[in-house]
């Protein structure tokens, strides 16, 4: 028996946040049919750079609630 997307979504929304995030990531990954190697390399460099900045204390994290407030102005 096939399940419809509404039923699947309802079940997915009952998962814990970490499981929902992993599922969302997997779904997004499934949409990528081609891989841009240059973009992948650039992201890897960016990630390493940002982690280094955090480790060295040159930047500070902002909680999502605060970032959302800054973005939306609310």
N, C-alpha and C. Protein backbone atom coordinates (compact mmCIF):
# COMPACT_ATOMS: atom_id res chain seq x y z
N UNK A 1 0.84 -1.18 0.00
CA UNK A 1 0.00 0.00 0.00
C UNK A 1 0.89 1.24 0.00
N UNK A 2 0.63 2.16 -0.92
CA UNK A 2 1.38 3.41 -0.98
C UNK A 2 0.81 4.40 0.03
N UNK A 3 1.73 5.16 0.66
CA UNK A 3 1.31 6.20 1.60
C UNK A 3 1.41 7.54 0.90
N UNK A 4 0.53 8.43 1.21
CA UNK A 4 0.62 9.74 0.56
C UNK A 4 1.53 10.66 1.36
N UNK A 5 1.99 11.71 0.71
CA UNK A 5 2.98 12.61 1.29
C UNK A 5 2.49 13.26 2.59
N UNK A 6 1.20 13.50 2.69
CA UNK A 6 0.65 14.11 3.90
C UNK A 6 0.84 13.19 5.10
N UNK A 7 0.60 11.90 4.90
CA UNK A 7 0.78 10.93 5.99
C UNK A 7 2.25 10.83 6.39
N UNK A 8 3.12 10.81 5.39
CA UNK A 8 4.56 10.72 5.66
C UNK A 8 5.03 11.96 6.42
N UNK A 9 4.56 13.14 5.99
CA UNK A 9 4.94 14.38 6.66
C UNK A 9 4.45 14.37 8.11
N UNK A 10 3.23 13.97 8.32
CA UNK A 10 2.68 13.92 9.68
C UNK A 10 3.54 13.03 10.57
N UNK A 11 3.94 11.86 10.05
CA UNK A 11 4.80 10.96 10.82
C UNK A 11 6.18 11.58 11.06
N UNK A 12 6.72 12.23 10.03
CA UNK A 12 8.05 12.84 10.15
C UNK A 12 8.06 13.94 11.19
N UNK A 13 6.99 14.70 11.28
CA UNK A 13 6.92 15.80 12.24
C UNK A 13 6.86 15.32 13.68
N UNK A 14 6.59 14.04 13.88
CA UNK A 14 6.58 13.47 15.23
C UNK A 14 7.97 13.02 15.67
N UNK A 15 8.94 13.02 14.76
CA UNK A 15 10.31 12.62 15.09
C UNK A 15 10.97 13.68 15.96
N UNK A 16 11.99 13.28 16.73
CA UNK A 16 12.76 14.27 17.49
C UNK A 16 13.48 15.23 16.53
N UNK A 17 13.83 16.42 17.00
CA UNK A 17 14.45 17.43 16.13
C UNK A 17 15.67 16.92 15.36
N UNK A 18 16.53 16.15 16.01
CA UNK A 18 17.74 15.67 15.33
C UNK A 18 17.38 14.75 14.17
N UNK A 19 16.38 13.90 14.38
CA UNK A 19 15.96 12.98 13.33
C UNK A 19 15.29 13.74 12.18
N UNK A 20 14.50 14.77 12.52
CA UNK A 20 13.88 15.59 11.46
C UNK A 20 14.94 16.30 10.64
N UNK A 21 15.97 16.82 11.31
CA UNK A 21 17.05 17.51 10.59
C UNK A 21 17.78 16.55 9.66
N UNK A 22 18.06 15.35 10.14
CA UNK A 22 18.74 14.36 9.31
C UNK A 22 17.87 13.98 8.12
N UNK A 23 16.58 13.80 8.35
CA UNK A 23 15.67 13.46 7.27
C UNK A 23 15.60 14.59 6.24
N UNK A 24 15.51 15.82 6.73
CA UNK A 24 15.46 16.98 5.82
C UNK A 24 16.72 17.04 4.97
N UNK A 25 17.87 16.82 5.60
CA UNK A 25 19.13 16.83 4.86
C UNK A 25 19.15 15.75 3.80
N UNK A 26 18.68 14.57 4.15
CA UNK A 26 18.66 13.47 3.18
C UNK A 26 17.73 13.78 2.02
N UNK A 27 16.59 14.37 2.31
CA UNK A 27 15.66 14.73 1.24
C UNK A 27 16.27 15.78 0.31
N UNK A 28 16.92 16.79 0.90
CA UNK A 28 17.57 17.81 0.07
C UNK A 28 18.68 17.21 -0.78
N UNK A 29 19.48 16.34 -0.17
CA UNK A 29 20.54 15.68 -0.93
C UNK A 29 19.99 14.88 -2.10
N UNK A 30 18.81 14.30 -1.91
CA UNK A 30 18.24 13.47 -2.98
C UNK A 30 17.83 14.30 -4.19
N UNK A 31 17.71 15.62 -4.03
CA UNK A 31 17.34 16.49 -5.15
C UNK A 31 18.53 16.84 -6.03
N UNK A 32 19.73 16.73 -5.48
CA UNK A 32 20.93 17.06 -6.24
C UNK A 32 21.28 15.91 -7.18
N UNK A 33 21.14 16.16 -8.46
CA UNK A 33 21.44 15.13 -9.44
C UNK A 33 22.88 15.23 -9.95
N UNK A 34 23.43 16.43 -9.91
CA UNK A 34 24.81 16.62 -10.35
C UNK A 34 25.60 17.28 -9.23
N UNK A 35 26.86 16.97 -9.18
CA UNK A 35 27.73 17.53 -8.15
C UNK A 35 28.70 18.49 -8.81
N UNK A 36 28.72 19.71 -8.32
CA UNK A 36 29.67 20.71 -8.79
C UNK A 36 30.91 20.60 -7.92
N UNK A 37 31.94 19.97 -8.44
CA UNK A 37 33.15 19.71 -7.65
C UNK A 37 33.79 21.01 -7.16
N UNK A 38 33.76 22.06 -7.97
CA UNK A 38 34.32 23.34 -7.54
C UNK A 38 33.55 23.91 -6.35
N UNK A 39 32.23 23.79 -6.40
CA UNK A 39 31.42 24.28 -5.29
C UNK A 39 31.67 23.45 -4.04
N UNK A 40 31.77 22.15 -4.20
CA UNK A 40 32.04 21.28 -3.05
C UNK A 40 33.38 21.64 -2.41
N UNK A 41 34.39 21.86 -3.23
CA UNK A 41 35.71 22.24 -2.71
C UNK A 41 35.66 23.58 -2.01
N UNK A 42 34.95 24.52 -2.59
CA UNK A 42 34.84 25.85 -1.99
C UNK A 42 34.14 25.76 -0.63
N UNK A 43 33.10 24.93 -0.53
CA UNK A 43 32.41 24.77 0.76
C UNK A 43 33.33 24.13 1.79
N UNK A 44 34.12 23.16 1.38
CA UNK A 44 35.05 22.52 2.31
C UNK A 44 36.04 23.54 2.87
N UNK A 45 36.56 24.40 2.01
CA UNK A 45 37.49 25.44 2.45
C UNK A 45 36.79 26.41 3.40
N UNK A 46 35.57 26.79 3.06
CA UNK A 46 34.81 27.72 3.90
C UNK A 46 34.53 27.13 5.28
N UNK A 47 34.17 25.87 5.32
CA UNK A 47 33.89 25.21 6.59
C UNK A 47 35.14 25.16 7.46
N UNK A 48 36.26 24.78 6.88
CA UNK A 48 37.52 24.73 7.65
C UNK A 48 37.88 26.12 8.17
N UNK A 49 37.71 27.13 7.34
CA UNK A 49 38.02 28.51 7.74
C UNK A 49 37.15 28.94 8.91
N UNK A 50 35.86 28.67 8.82
CA UNK A 50 34.94 29.09 9.88
C UNK A 50 35.22 28.34 11.19
N UNK A 51 35.52 27.05 11.09
CA UNK A 51 35.86 26.29 12.30
C UNK A 51 37.13 26.82 12.95
N UNK A 52 38.10 27.18 12.14
CA UNK A 52 39.35 27.73 12.66
C UNK A 52 39.08 29.05 13.38
N UNK A 53 38.24 29.91 12.78
CA UNK A 53 37.89 31.18 13.40
C UNK A 53 37.22 30.96 14.76
N UNK A 54 36.33 29.97 14.83
CA UNK A 54 35.69 29.65 16.11
C UNK A 54 36.70 29.15 17.12
N UNK A 55 37.55 28.22 16.70
CA UNK A 55 38.55 27.64 17.61
C UNK A 55 39.50 28.70 18.15
N UNK A 56 39.83 29.69 17.33
CA UNK A 56 40.76 30.74 17.73
C UNK A 56 40.06 31.89 18.47
N UNK A 57 38.75 31.80 18.61
CA UNK A 57 38.00 32.83 19.34
C UNK A 57 37.84 34.13 18.58
N UNK A 58 38.06 34.11 17.27
CA UNK A 58 37.93 35.34 16.48
C UNK A 58 36.48 35.67 16.15
N UNK A 59 35.60 34.70 16.27
CA UNK A 59 34.17 34.93 16.05
C UNK A 59 33.39 34.25 17.16
N UNK A 60 32.17 34.70 17.35
CA UNK A 60 31.30 34.09 18.36
C UNK A 60 30.02 33.62 17.70
N UNK A 61 29.50 32.52 18.20
CA UNK A 61 28.24 32.00 17.69
C UNK A 61 27.09 32.86 18.20
N UNK A 62 26.04 32.91 17.43
CA UNK A 62 24.82 33.62 17.81
C UNK A 62 23.71 32.57 17.86
N UNK A 63 22.98 32.49 18.98
CA UNK A 63 21.88 31.53 19.05
C UNK A 63 20.87 31.78 17.93
N UNK A 64 20.26 30.71 17.44
CA UNK A 64 19.31 30.82 16.32
C UNK A 64 18.19 31.82 16.64
N UNK A 65 17.70 31.84 17.86
CA UNK A 65 16.62 32.76 18.22
C UNK A 65 17.07 34.20 17.97
N UNK A 66 18.29 34.52 18.35
CA UNK A 66 18.82 35.88 18.14
C UNK A 66 19.04 36.15 16.65
N UNK A 67 19.60 35.18 15.93
CA UNK A 67 19.84 35.37 14.49
C UNK A 67 18.52 35.59 13.76
N UNK A 68 17.51 34.81 14.09
CA UNK A 68 16.20 34.96 13.45
C UNK A 68 15.61 36.34 13.76
N UNK A 69 15.79 36.79 15.02
CA UNK A 69 15.29 38.13 15.38
C UNK A 69 15.96 39.20 14.56
N UNK A 70 17.29 39.05 14.37
CA UNK A 70 18.02 40.05 13.56
C UNK A 70 17.59 40.02 12.11
N UNK A 71 17.34 38.83 11.60
CA UNK A 71 16.95 38.69 10.19
C UNK A 71 15.56 39.25 9.95
N UNK A 72 14.63 38.89 10.81
CA UNK A 72 13.24 39.28 10.61
C UNK A 72 12.89 40.63 11.21
N UNK A 73 13.75 41.12 12.13
CA UNK A 73 13.47 42.40 12.77
C UNK A 73 12.41 42.31 13.85
N UNK A 74 12.12 41.09 14.29
CA UNK A 74 11.10 40.90 15.35
C UNK A 74 11.72 40.46 16.62
